Amino acid sequence: MDVQTLTFIIVGLSFALYIGIAIWARAGSTNEFYVAGGGVPPLANGMATAADWMSAASFISMAGIISFAGYDGGVYLMGWTGGYVLLALCLAPYLRKFGKFTVPDFIGDRYYSQAARVVAILCAIFICFTYIAGQMRGVGVVFSRFLEVDIETGVYIGMVIVFFYAVLGGMKGITYTQVAQYCVLVFAYLVPAIFISMMMTGHFFPQTGFGATLSDGSGQFVLDKLDGLSTELGFAQYTEGSKSMIDVFAITGALMVGTAGLPHVIVRFFTVPRVKDTRISAAWTLVFIAIVYTTAPAVASFARVNMIDTINGKDGSGTEYAEAPAWVKNWERTGLITFNDKNGDGKMFYSAGKIDDPNSANEVKVDRDIMVLANPEIADLPAWVIALVAAGGIAAALSTTAGLLLVISTSVSHDLLKRTLKPDISDKQELLAARLAAMIAIVISAYFGINPPGFVASVVAFAFGLAAASFFPAIIMGIFSKKMNKEGAIAGMVTGITFTAAYIIYFKFVSPELNAPAHWLFGISPEGIGLVGMIVNFVVAGIVLKLTAETPVEIQEMVEGIRNPKGSSAAHAH
């Protein structure tokens, strides 16, 4: 059976499973729609949170970045995992104690202000749309290759599937589909990694294969070979990296604090019955995340070696284009691999530099988002493994998209309508508003998926930077500072997100030609500027606090109560 037929079967079966679960777990009330009725077992919630967490950025793009950037790509591993620990230990128990399951709800009540609530709603929607753009792009990339449709059609198919279980089932439907999606994506990630590790190093575990010698008889370590290939071809040494320390620190910091402020992950801690279950669920999530994250560097390294060997040939002189491996031709049809025969010798050659630069020897452009998806094909693995990876990529992208859509619909129906504009709205009307908001959000996200502002992980990094600059300081000060008032929090959020968004927009859209270390503020890239935005937020909030009225005494007493997470009550839907 060929790859395409198998892909249709495996992806089709996974879709049928997701839609079936959505129909079984469809929400009948706002409490079920928002927090799955607060009755999800910790193990299932841990698995669902991990699926929510491991988006298309983790599954598709992270190993691709590490594969191309080497040591520099490690910032994503450090930032995302560190951020999760920060969230689970420092924020989740306190937010759960407060009992408000959305970030705008927490900010609106803690800062005793509807204006603060509205600012938080706008920030949540802006962050989530930025994040979704990356996910929908991931869906499009998968479909374009494996179903042989263009990226636009791929995005539309993904849109329809998400619509079914996100709009029908709400958090209840999403949680149980994400459990299924985690099983699909982790299996899809590990199977090819184990296969390739066995083939290249003889090690069953990719984590140990990553540091082992190659089984081709050369006695060379995987990373030594990569270092040699990288320097030969004009790239920076794979294990050294070229980013400045300040930029590495800023990106890691922005990803960490941004992660801790992401609204779609915070809401997860309200779907379990008790606070004790929150902690158990957080521990399980860490285990499930670690399985994929410890495998990613190995996947990246193996893919890089195999890619260079198959394009440049074992002798390093190039491969005849007419005899190019099938994976090159397959991905070329999607436009994600481009070949430009500069010297007219009919051979493909991959090296540093751009394919349109006459001074560069490089003749092949490879999109970094394809590395995980193309890996089984590059290694010449069986067709069922290739189809499985396609299903895994789609599962990863769809699981996070659904979680983000829920945040957008909740921000509109619960935070904006119920808590701000129309407090007397009925439960049924609120549920309808949530579903309509999710439908509109799906349509807008499809547009961003078709016209993304960058490759998947880069777009996601921007979302984390925006969360770091807006939500994180407001949440931290809301929990650990009794004195912080509404004026300070609002001013901090507005300046933080405005500064960060302006910096990203300037270097990515207005003047992309200036997007280089020489022009960056303090040498910090747009991916890491969220950390500076966070500092701006804290500073502005502190200055405004000094110039405005004190926080009411009852709010200070409430904050004192939040700081002791023991004996937390159930999540309040209203």
Protein backbone atom coordinates (compact mmCIF):
# COMPACT_ATOMS: atom_id res chain seq x y z
CA MET A 1 0.00 0.00 0.00
CA ASP A 2 1.40 3.42 -0.97
CA VAL A 3 2.10 6.30 1.44
CA GLN A 4 -0.83 8.42 0.34
CA THR A 5 -3.43 5.67 0.75
CA LEU A 6 -2.07 4.77 4.19
CA THR A 7 -2.03 8.45 5.18
CA PHE A 8 -5.69 8.82 4.16
CA ILE A 9 -6.61 5.73 6.21
CA ILE A 10 -4.63 6.61 9.39
CA VAL A 11 -5.50 10.34 9.34
CA GLY A 12 -9.15 9.51 8.50
CA LEU A 13 -9.39 7.06 11.42
CA SER A 14 -7.86 9.61 13.82
CA PHE A 15 -10.37 12.27 12.63
CA ALA A 16 -13.27 9.85 13.11
CA LEU A 17 -12.01 9.19 16.66
CA TYR A 18 -11.77 12.92 17.49
CA ILE A 19 -15.24 13.71 16.12
CA GLY A 20 -16.72 10.64 17.86
CA ILE A 21 -15.27 11.78 21.20
CA ALA A 22 -16.59 15.33 20.59
CA ILE A 23 -20.12 14.03 20.02
CA TRP A 24 -19.88 11.75 23.10
CA ALA A 25 -18.54 14.54 25.33
CA ARG A 26 -20.52 17.48 23.94
CA ALA A 27 -21.12 20.23 26.46
CA GLY A 28 -24.62 20.86 27.77
CA SER A 29 -23.79 23.78 30.08
CA THR A 30 -21.30 26.65 30.31
CA ASN A 31 -19.53 24.88 33.19
CA GLU A 32 -18.90 21.84 30.95
CA PHE A 33 -17.97 24.10 28.02
CA TYR A 34 -15.42 26.18 30.00
CA VAL A 35 -13.90 23.72 32.54
CA ALA A 36 -15.32 20.28 31.56
CA GLY A 37 -17.55 20.37 34.67
CA GLY A 38 -14.40 20.25 36.85
CA GLY A 39 -14.48 16.45 36.88
CA VAL A 40 -11.51 15.32 34.73
CA PRO A 41 -9.19 12.69 36.38
CA PRO A 42 -5.62 14.02 37.02
CA LEU A 43 -3.95 11.46 34.70
CA ALA A 44 -6.29 12.29 31.78
CA ASN A 45 -5.89 16.02 32.47
CA GLY A 46 -2.09 15.61 32.56
CA MET A 47 -2.18 13.94 29.15
CA ALA A 48 -4.60 16.55 27.74
CA THR A 49 -2.42 19.41 29.08
CA ALA A 50 0.65 17.84 27.46
CA ALA A 51 -1.20 17.63 24.12
CA ASP A 52 -2.33 21.25 24.53
CA TRP A 53 1.23 22.19 25.33
CA MET A 54 2.89 20.30 22.50
CA SER A 55 1.58 22.24 19.62
CA ALA A 56 2.68 22.18 16.02
CA ALA A 57 5.65 24.22 17.25
CA SER A 58 6.84 21.38 19.50
CA PHE A 59 5.98 18.51 17.15
CA ILE A 60 6.78 19.97 13.73
CA SER A 61 9.00 22.98 14.19
CA MET A 62 11.11 22.58 17.35
CA ALA A 63 13.27 19.70 16.06
CA GLY A 64 13.45 21.58 12.72
CA ILE A 65 14.88 24.64 14.45
CA ILE A 66 17.37 22.55 16.45
CA SER A 67 18.30 20.72 13.23
CA PHE A 68 19.13 23.97 11.45
CA ALA A 69 20.32 26.13 14.34
CA GLY A 70 22.06 23.44 16.45
CA TYR A 71 23.00 24.72 19.90
CA ASP A 72 21.03 27.97 19.33
CA GLY A 73 17.80 25.95 18.97
CA GLY A 74 18.20 24.76 22.56
CA VAL A 75 16.57 28.03 23.77
CA TYR A 76 13.18 26.61 22.80
CA LEU A 77 13.74 23.44 24.85
CA MET A 78 14.92 25.41 27.89
CA GLY A 79 12.30 28.14 27.65
CA TRP A 80 9.23 25.97 27.14
CA THR A 81 10.05 23.34 29.76
CA GLY A 82 11.25 25.95 32.29
CA GLY A 83 8.07 27.93 31.72
CA TYR A 84 5.90 24.95 32.44
CA VAL A 85 7.65 24.33 35.78
CA LEU A 86 7.28 28.04 36.65
CA LEU A 87 3.56 27.89 35.87
CA ALA A 88 2.91 24.65 37.77
CA LEU A 89 4.85 25.67 40.89
CA CYS A 90 4.43 29.44 41.16
CA LEU A 91 1.10 30.35 39.63
CA ALA A 92 -1.36 27.47 39.20
CA PRO A 93 -2.12 26.70 42.89
CA TYR A 94 -2.74 30.39 43.66
CA LEU A 95 -4.96 30.96 40.64
CA ARG A 96 -6.88 27.84 41.54
CA LYS A 97 -7.36 29.15 45.07
CA PHE A 98 -8.80 32.36 43.63
CA GLY A 99 -11.29 30.24 41.70
CA LYS A 100 -11.55 32.28 38.47
CA PHE A 101 -10.76 30.08 35.50
CA THR A 102 -9.80 32.76 32.97
CA VAL A 103 -6.92 35.22 33.14
CA PRO A 104 -9.15 38.26 32.30
CA ASP A 105 -11.54 37.17 35.08
CA PHE A 106 -8.68 37.01 37.59
CA ILE A 107 -7.28 40.38 36.49
CA GLY A 108 -10.73 42.05 36.45
CA ASP A 109 -11.56 40.89 40.00
CA ARG A 110 -8.08 41.25 41.54
CA TYR A 111 -7.67 44.76 40.17
CA TYR A 112 -11.32 45.64 40.93
CA SER A 113 -11.78 47.18 37.49
CA GLN A 114 -13.80 46.51 34.35
CA ALA A 115 -11.20 48.46 32.36
CA ALA A 116 -8.48 46.03 33.55
CA ARG A 117 -10.74 43.13 32.53
CA VAL A 118 -11.27 44.57 29.02
CA VAL A 119 -7.51 45.20 28.55
CA ALA A 120 -6.82 41.59 29.61
CA ILE A 121 -9.52 40.30 27.21
CA LEU A 122 -7.94 42.20 24.29
CA CYS A 123 -4.46 40.91 25.24
CA ALA A 124 -5.78 37.30 25.50
CA ILE A 125 -7.44 37.47 22.07
CA PHE A 126 -4.36 39.08 20.44
CA ILE A 127 -1.98 36.47 21.96
CA CYS A 128 -4.21 33.53 21.04
CA PHE A 129 -4.63 34.64 17.42
CA THR A 130 -0.84 35.03 17.09
CA TYR A 131 -0.41 31.52 18.49
CA ILE A 132 -3.15 29.99 16.32
CA ALA A 133 -1.52 31.38 13.16
CA GLY A 134 1.42 29.05 13.81
CA GLN A 135 -0.84 26.04 14.47
CA MET A 136 -2.96 26.47 11.34
CA ARG A 137 0.21 26.87 9.31
CA GLY A 138 1.38 23.53 10.77
CA VAL A 139 -1.89 21.86 9.72
CA GLY A 140 -1.50 23.31 6.22
CA VAL A 141 2.11 22.04 5.89
CA VAL A 142 1.08 18.48 6.87
CA PHE A 143 -1.91 18.34 4.55
CA SER A 144 -0.09 19.90 1.61
CA ARG A 145 2.46 17.10 1.55
CA PHE A 146 0.55 14.01 2.62
CA LEU A 147 -2.84 14.64 1.07
CA GLU A 148 -1.20 16.39 -1.92
CA VAL A 149 -3.36 19.47 -1.68
CA ASP A 150 -2.15 23.06 -1.48
CA ILE A 151 -1.53 24.67 1.94
CA GLU A 152 -4.74 26.75 1.70
CA THR A 153 -6.92 23.65 1.22
CA GLY A 154 -5.06 21.94 4.08
CA VAL A 155 -5.90 24.85 6.40
CA TYR A 156 -9.60 24.68 5.40
CA ILE A 157 -9.79 20.92 6.14
CA GLY A 158 -8.17 21.49 9.56
CA MET A 159 -10.62 24.32 10.21
CA VAL A 160 -13.64 22.03 9.65
CA ILE A 161 -12.28 19.32 11.98
CA VAL A 162 -11.49 21.77 14.80
CA PHE A 163 -14.91 23.35 14.36
CA PHE A 164 -16.57 20.03 15.14
CA TYR A 165 -15.01 19.22 18.45
CA ALA A 166 -14.11 22.70 19.77
CA VAL A 167 -17.50 24.27 19.04
CA LEU A 168 -19.60 21.20 19.95
CA GLY A 169 -17.73 19.86 22.92
CA GLY A 170 -16.07 22.91 24.51
CA MET A 171 -13.50 22.03 27.18
CA LYS A 172 -15.13 18.67 27.85
CA GLY A 173 -14.87 17.59 24.19
CA ILE A 174 -11.41 19.14 23.83
CA THR A 175 -10.01 17.43 26.95
CA TYR A 176 -10.90 13.91 25.87
CA THR A 177 -9.93 14.48 22.22
CA GLN A 178 -6.58 15.78 23.48
CA VAL A 179 -6.01 12.57 25.43
CA ALA A 180 -6.45 10.66 22.13
CA GLN A 181 -4.29 13.24 20.30
CA TYR A 182 -1.47 12.89 22.83
CA CYS A 183 -1.42 9.11 22.31
CA VAL A 184 -1.28 9.63 18.52
CA LEU A 185 1.39 12.35 18.57
CA VAL A 186 3.73 10.67 21.09
CA PHE A 187 3.56 7.36 19.18
CA ALA A 188 4.15 9.21 15.91
CA TYR A 189 7.15 11.07 17.34
CA LEU A 190 8.84 8.11 19.03
CA VAL A 191 8.42 5.34 16.43
CA PRO A 192 10.51 7.00 13.64
CA ALA A 193 13.01 8.31 16.23
CA ILE A 194 13.57 4.75 17.57
CA PHE A 195 13.79 3.31 14.02
CA ILE A 196 16.37 5.91 12.92
CA SER A 197 18.36 5.63 16.16
CA MET A 198 18.61 1.82 15.64
CA MET A 199 19.66 2.27 12.00
CA MET A 200 22.27 4.99 12.64
CA THR A 201 23.72 4.06 16.05
CA GLY A 202 22.33 0.66 17.08
CA HIS A 203 20.75 2.27 20.17
CA PHE A 204 17.08 1.63 20.91
CA PHE A 205 16.59 4.87 22.85
CA PRO A 206 17.07 8.02 20.71
CA GLN A 207 18.20 9.88 23.87
CA THR A 208 21.27 7.62 24.16
CA GLY A 209 21.72 7.30 20.38
CA PHE A 210 22.14 11.08 20.27
CA GLY A 211 25.43 10.80 22.19
CA ALA A 212 26.61 7.51 20.63
CA THR A 213 28.93 6.55 17.76
CA LEU A 214 27.63 5.94 14.23
CA SER A 215 27.24 2.29 13.24
CA ASP A 216 28.80 2.85 9.75
CA GLY A 217 32.18 1.64 11.01
CA SER A 218 33.75 5.13 11.13
CA GLY A 219 33.75 5.19 14.94
CA GLN A 220 32.61 8.82 14.76
CA PHE A 221 30.14 10.29 17.26
CA VAL A 222 26.86 11.68 15.80
CA LEU A 223 27.60 15.20 17.07
CA ASP A 224 31.24 15.10 15.87
CA LYS A 225 30.04 14.21 12.38
CA LEU A 226 27.50 17.05 12.52
CA ASP A 227 30.15 19.53 13.66
CA GLY A 228 32.41 18.42 10.79
CA LEU A 229 29.65 18.62 8.16
CA SER A 230 28.48 22.03 9.44
CA THR A 231 31.93 23.66 9.30
CA GLU A 232 32.72 22.02 5.90
CA LEU A 233 29.54 23.51 4.42
CA GLY A 234 30.08 27.00 5.87
CA PHE A 235 27.60 26.81 8.77
CA ALA A 236 28.37 27.64 12.40
CA GLN A 237 29.56 24.62 14.40
CA TYR A 238 26.48 22.57 15.36
CA THR A 239 27.37 22.30 19.06
CA GLU A 240 28.58 25.89 19.43
CA GLY A 241 25.89 28.22 18.11
CA SER A 242 26.16 31.77 16.83
CA LYS A 243 23.63 33.69 18.98
CA SER A 244 24.94 36.14 21.58
CA MET A 245 24.51 35.16 25.24
CA ILE A 246 22.17 38.12 25.87
CA ASP A 247 19.86 36.97 23.04
CA VAL A 248 19.89 33.34 24.25
CA PHE A 249 19.02 34.56 27.76
CA ALA A 250 16.26 36.90 26.47
CA ILE A 251 14.58 34.28 24.25
CA THR A 252 14.73 31.63 27.02
CA GLY A 253 13.37 34.15 29.55
CA ALA A 254 10.59 35.37 27.24
CA LEU A 255 9.52 31.79 26.48
CA MET A 256 9.59 30.86 30.18
CA VAL A 257 7.54 33.75 31.56
CA GLY A 258 5.34 33.80 28.45
CA THR A 259 4.55 30.14 28.95
CA ALA A 260 3.62 30.80 32.57
CA GLY A 261 1.18 33.50 31.43
CA LEU A 262 -0.50 31.58 28.60
CA PRO A 263 -4.25 31.58 29.17
CA HIS A 264 -5.06 28.26 27.44
CA VAL A 265 -2.74 26.31 29.78
CA ILE A 266 -3.83 28.09 32.99
CA VAL A 267 -7.49 27.11 32.42
CA ARG A 268 -6.40 23.46 32.44
CA PHE A 269 -5.86 23.58 36.20
CA PHE A 270 -9.57 24.15 36.73
CA THR A 271 -10.76 21.00 34.98
CA VAL A 272 -9.77 18.68 37.88
CA PRO A 273 -11.91 18.35 41.02
CA ARG A 274 -9.44 19.47 43.78
CA VAL A 275 -6.21 21.46 44.27
CA LYS A 276 -4.40 18.25 45.22
CA ASP A 277 -5.42 16.90 41.79
CA THR A 278 -4.00 20.07 40.20
CA ARG A 279 -0.54 19.21 41.51
CA ILE A 280 -0.81 15.53 40.51
CA SER A 281 -2.01 16.58 37.05
CA ALA A 282 0.92 19.04 36.71
CA ALA A 283 3.41 16.28 37.61
CA TRP A 284 1.91 13.88 35.03
CA THR A 285 2.03 16.62 32.39
CA LEU A 286 5.75 17.11 33.02
CA VAL A 287 6.36 13.37 32.49
CA PHE A 288 4.38 13.36 29.22
CA ILE A 289 6.14 16.50 27.95
CA ALA A 290 9.58 15.11 28.85
CA ILE A 291 9.06 12.04 26.64
CA VAL A 292 8.90 14.24 23.51
CA TYR A 293 11.26 17.03 24.61
CA THR A 294 14.15 14.69 25.47
CA THR A 295 13.73 12.99 22.08
CA ALA A 296 13.72 16.23 20.01
CA PRO A 297 17.52 16.89 19.97
CA ALA A 298 18.12 13.32 18.74
CA VAL A 299 15.45 13.63 16.01
CA ALA A 300 17.00 16.94 14.93
CA SER A 301 20.55 15.57 14.72
CA PHE A 302 19.62 12.37 12.87
CA ALA A 303 17.49 14.32 10.39
CA ARG A 304 20.32 16.80 9.73
CA VAL A 305 22.91 14.09 9.03
CA ASN A 306 20.54 12.13 6.77
CA MET A 307 19.39 15.26 4.92
CA ILE A 308 22.95 16.41 4.10
CA ASP A 309 24.02 12.87 3.12
CA THR A 310 21.05 12.36 0.76
CA ILE A 311 21.33 15.79 -0.91
CA ASN A 312 25.14 16.08 -1.15
CA GLY A 313 25.78 12.34 -1.55
CA LYS A 314 28.10 10.19 0.55
CA ASP A 315 31.15 11.70 -1.21
CA GLY A 316 29.90 15.25 -0.59
CA SER A 317 30.04 16.32 -4.25
CA GLY A 318 26.27 16.49 -4.81
CA THR A 319 23.49 14.16 -6.00
CA GLU A 320 22.23 14.07 -9.60
CA TYR A 321 18.87 15.88 -9.62
CA ALA A 322 17.47 13.26 -12.00
CA GLU A 323 18.32 10.60 -9.38
CA ALA A 324 17.19 12.66 -6.38
CA PRO A 325 15.58 10.70 -3.53
CA ALA A 326 11.77 10.51 -3.62
CA TRP A 327 11.40 12.72 -0.50
CA VAL A 328 13.02 15.67 -2.30
CA LYS A 329 10.60 15.44 -5.24
CA ASN A 330 7.61 14.94 -2.89
CA TRP A 331 8.34 18.04 -0.83
CA GLU A 332 9.37 20.05 -3.88
CA ARG A 333 5.78 19.79 -5.13
CA THR A 334 4.61 21.59 -1.97
CA GLY A 335 7.05 24.46 -2.53
CA LEU A 336 8.82 23.74 0.79
CA ILE A 337 11.99 22.53 -0.98
CA THR A 338 13.45 24.57 -3.83
CA PHE A 339 16.33 23.59 -6.17
CA ASN A 340 18.25 26.18 -8.23
CA ASP A 341 20.98 24.64 -10.41
CA LYS A 342 23.40 27.61 -10.35
CA ASN A 343 26.36 25.92 -12.03
CA GLY A 344 24.26 23.89 -14.48
CA ASP A 345 25.93 20.55 -13.63
CA GLY A 346 22.56 18.85 -12.96
CA LYS A 347 23.62 18.09 -9.37
CA MET A 348 22.01 19.24 -6.12
CA PHE A 349 24.34 20.72 -3.52
CA TYR A 350 23.43 21.99 -0.06
CA SER A 351 25.61 24.46 1.90
CA ALA A 352 25.45 27.77 3.78
CA GLY A 353 24.02 30.81 1.97
CA LYS A 354 20.91 31.65 -0.04
CA ILE A 355 20.00 29.88 -3.28
CA ASP A 356 19.50 33.22 -5.08
CA ASP A 357 22.95 34.51 -3.99
CA PRO A 358 25.42 34.02 -6.89
CA ASN A 359 28.38 34.05 -4.46
CA SER A 360 27.01 31.08 -2.50
CA ALA A 361 27.46 27.44 -3.54
CA ASN A 362 24.08 26.51 -2.01
CA GLU A 363 21.52 25.26 -4.56
CA VAL A 364 18.83 23.80 -2.26
CA LYS A 365 16.46 25.64 0.06
CA VAL A 366 14.83 23.41 2.71
CA ASP A 367 12.00 24.81 4.87
CA ARG A 368 12.83 24.01 8.51
CA ASP A 369 9.18 23.14 9.25
CA ILE A 370 9.45 19.94 7.19
CA MET A 371 12.30 18.25 9.07
CA VAL A 372 10.24 16.11 11.47
CA LEU A 373 7.62 15.30 8.83
CA ALA A 374 10.19 14.42 6.17
CA ASN A 375 12.48 12.54 8.59
CA PRO A 376 10.94 9.04 8.03
CA GLU A 377 11.09 9.56 4.25
CA ILE A 378 14.73 10.75 4.40
CA ALA A 379 15.64 7.66 6.43
CA ASP A 380 13.64 5.46 4.00
CA LEU A 381 11.33 4.07 6.70
CA PRO A 382 8.17 2.01 5.90
CA ALA A 383 5.11 3.80 4.48
CA TRP A 384 2.99 3.24 7.64
CA VAL A 385 5.56 5.17 9.74
CA ILE A 386 5.40 8.13 7.31
CA ALA A 387 1.58 8.09 7.52
CA LEU A 388 1.74 7.88 11.32
CA VAL A 389 3.94 11.00 11.51
CA ALA A 390 1.41 12.87 9.36
CA ALA A 391 -1.38 11.93 11.80
CA GLY A 392 0.86 12.99 14.73
CA GLY A 393 1.64 16.39 13.20
CA ILE A 394 -2.05 17.07 12.60
CA ALA A 395 -2.94 15.89 16.15
CA ALA A 396 -0.35 18.25 17.68
CA ALA A 397 -1.54 21.27 15.72
CA LEU A 398 -5.26 20.61 16.18
CA SER A 399 -5.02 19.95 19.94
CA THR A 400 -3.47 23.34 20.66
CA THR A 401 -5.69 25.16 18.16
CA ALA A 402 -8.75 23.83 19.97
CA GLY A 403 -7.42 24.97 23.37
CA LEU A 404 -6.70 28.46 22.03
CA LEU A 405 -10.09 28.76 20.35
CA LEU A 406 -11.69 27.96 23.67
CA VAL A 407 -9.79 30.83 25.33
CA ILE A 408 -10.97 33.25 22.62
CA SER A 409 -14.60 32.12 22.87
CA THR A 410 -14.45 32.23 26.71
CA SER A 411 -12.92 35.72 26.63
CA VAL A 412 -15.79 36.94 24.44
CA SER A 413 -18.77 35.09 25.99
CA HIS A 414 -17.82 34.90 29.67
CA ASP A 415 -15.42 37.79 30.31
CA LEU A 416 -16.79 40.38 27.89
CA LEU A 417 -20.53 39.55 27.71
CA LYS A 418 -21.34 37.94 31.07
CA ARG A 419 -18.94 39.86 33.32
CA THR A 420 -18.84 43.24 31.52
CA LEU A 421 -21.55 44.10 28.97
CA LYS A 422 -24.59 41.91 29.81
CA PRO A 423 -24.51 40.46 33.36
CA ASP A 424 -28.12 39.19 33.14
CA ILE A 425 -27.43 36.88 30.13
CA SER A 426 -28.80 33.32 30.60
CA ASP A 427 -26.62 30.19 30.67
CA LYS A 428 -28.06 29.05 27.32
CA GLN A 429 -27.39 32.44 25.64
CA GLU A 430 -23.85 32.51 27.03
CA LEU A 431 -23.19 29.01 25.63
CA LEU A 432 -24.50 30.12 22.21
CA ALA A 433 -22.28 33.24 22.32
CA ALA A 434 -19.24 31.08 23.19
CA ARG A 435 -19.91 28.82 20.18
CA LEU A 436 -20.44 31.76 17.81
CA ALA A 437 -17.21 33.38 19.03
CA ALA A 438 -15.34 30.10 18.43
CA MET A 439 -16.76 29.90 14.88
CA ILE A 440 -15.66 33.46 14.03
CA ALA A 441 -12.25 32.80 15.59
CA ILE A 442 -11.77 29.68 13.41
CA VAL A 443 -12.40 31.70 10.24
CA ILE A 444 -9.93 34.45 11.28
CA SER A 445 -7.31 31.88 12.32
CA ALA A 446 -7.60 30.18 8.93
CA TYR A 447 -6.63 33.48 7.26
CA PHE A 448 -3.53 33.74 9.48
CA GLY A 449 -2.69 30.12 8.75
CA ILE A 450 -2.70 30.83 5.01
CA ASN A 451 -0.74 34.10 5.42
CA PRO A 452 1.59 33.41 8.39
CA PRO A 453 4.15 35.97 9.60
CA GLY A 454 6.95 33.35 9.76
CA PHE A 455 7.75 29.66 10.29
CA VAL A 456 5.72 27.86 12.95
CA ALA A 457 8.00 28.06 16.01
CA SER A 458 8.94 31.68 15.29
CA VAL A 459 5.24 32.74 15.23
CA VAL A 460 4.65 30.82 18.46
CA ALA A 461 7.67 32.53 20.06
CA PHE A 462 6.03 35.90 19.29
CA ALA A 463 2.85 34.76 21.09
CA PHE A 464 4.91 33.79 24.15
CA GLY A 465 6.72 37.15 24.06
CA LEU A 466 3.38 38.99 24.01
CA ALA A 467 2.11 36.89 26.97
CA ALA A 468 5.34 37.59 28.88
CA ALA A 469 5.00 41.34 28.35
CA SER A 470 1.31 41.59 29.28
CA PHE A 471 -0.06 38.81 31.51
CA PHE A 472 2.85 37.53 33.53
CA PRO A 473 3.61 40.74 35.49
CA ALA A 474 -0.12 41.37 36.12
CA ILE A 475 -0.60 37.81 37.46
CA ILE A 476 2.60 37.81 39.56
CA MET A 477 1.89 41.23 41.09
CA GLY A 478 -1.76 40.23 41.58
CA ILE A 479 -0.70 37.24 43.69
CA PHE A 480 2.45 38.44 45.48
CA SER A 481 1.83 42.19 45.88
CA LYS A 482 -1.03 43.40 48.06
CA LYS A 483 -0.29 47.01 47.14
CA MET A 484 -0.49 46.80 43.32
CA ASN A 485 -3.54 48.81 42.19
CA LYS A 486 -5.69 48.85 39.05
CA GLU A 487 -4.02 51.92 37.50
CA GLY A 488 -0.56 50.36 37.77
CA ALA A 489 -1.66 46.98 36.36
CA ILE A 490 -3.53 48.53 33.40
CA ALA A 491 -0.68 50.91 32.53
CA GLY A 492 1.84 48.06 32.78
CA MET A 493 -0.15 45.68 30.55
CA VAL A 494 -0.84 48.33 27.88
CA THR A 495 2.78 49.57 27.67
CA GLY A 496 4.26 46.04 27.87
CA ILE A 497 2.21 44.54 25.03
CA THR A 498 2.38 47.74 22.91
CA PHE A 499 6.18 47.93 23.16
CA THR A 500 6.62 44.20 22.38
CA ALA A 501 4.11 44.13 19.49
CA ALA A 502 5.61 47.32 17.96
CA TYR A 503 9.15 45.85 18.10
CA ILE A 504 8.06 42.55 16.48
CA ILE A 505 5.98 44.32 13.79
CA TYR A 506 8.82 46.75 12.98
CA PHE A 507 11.49 44.08 12.43
CA LYS A 508 9.24 41.44 10.88
CA PHE A 509 6.91 43.49 8.68
CA VAL A 510 7.96 47.16 8.39
CA SER A 511 11.75 46.83 7.98
CA PRO A 512 12.66 43.12 7.72
CA GLU A 513 15.97 44.09 6.05
CA LEU A 514 17.09 45.63 9.39
CA ASN A 515 16.33 42.41 11.32
CA ALA A 516 19.94 41.77 12.37
CA PRO A 517 21.89 41.97 15.67
CA ALA A 518 23.45 45.33 14.70
CA HIS A 519 20.00 47.02 14.69
CA TRP A 520 18.35 45.22 17.63
CA LEU A 521 17.82 46.88 21.02
CA PHE A 522 20.60 45.60 23.35
CA GLY A 523 21.25 42.89 20.72
CA ILE A 524 17.91 41.18 21.52
CA SER A 525 15.96 39.59 18.63
CA PRO A 526 12.16 39.97 18.11
CA GLU A 527 11.75 36.39 19.50
CA GLY A 528 13.29 37.49 22.83
CA ILE A 529 11.99 41.06 23.16
CA GLY A 530 9.08 39.86 25.36
CA LEU A 531 11.53 39.76 28.30
CA VAL A 532 12.29 43.48 27.87
CA GLY A 533 8.52 44.10 27.46
CA MET A 534 7.97 42.34 30.79
CA ILE A 535 10.55 44.58 32.53
CA VAL A 536 8.89 47.67 30.94
CA ASN A 537 5.54 46.39 32.31
CA PHE A 538 6.92 46.01 35.87
CA VAL A 539 8.66 49.43 35.80
CA VAL A 540 5.63 51.33 34.44
CA ALA A 541 3.28 49.56 36.90
CA GLY A 542 5.60 50.50 39.81
CA ILE A 543 5.83 54.18 38.76
CA VAL A 544 2.05 54.53 38.24
CA LEU A 545 1.42 52.81 41.62
CA LYS A 546 3.46 55.53 43.37
CA LEU A 547 1.41 58.28 41.70
CA THR A 548 -2.12 56.87 42.25
CA ALA A 549 -4.51 55.82 45.04
CA GLU A 550 -3.87 52.84 47.31
CA THR A 551 -5.47 49.44 46.76
CA PRO A 552 -8.70 49.06 48.84
CA VAL A 553 -8.26 47.17 52.13
CA GLU A 554 -10.71 44.37 51.16
CA ILE A 555 -8.63 43.63 48.03
CA GLN A 556 -5.45 43.47 50.14
CA GLU A 557 -7.14 40.99 52.49
CA MET A 558 -8.31 38.93 49.51
CA VAL A 559 -4.73 38.75 48.16
CA GLU A 560 -3.53 37.63 51.59
CA GLY A 561 -6.08 34.80 51.38
CA ILE A 562 -4.93 33.75 47.88
CA ARG A 563 -1.35 33.28 49.06
CA ASN A 564 -2.25 30.24 51.08
CA PRO A 565 -3.41 27.74 48.45
CA LYS A 566 -4.43 25.12 51.00
CA GLY A 567 -8.09 24.35 51.13
CA SER A 568 -8.91 25.87 47.77
CA SER A 569 -12.50 25.77 46.74
CA ALA A 570 -13.91 24.46 43.47
CA ALA A 571 -13.60 26.65 40.37
CA HIS A 572 -16.38 29.19 40.04
CA ALA A 573 -17.98 29.41 36.62
CA HIS A 574 -19.52 32.77 37.46
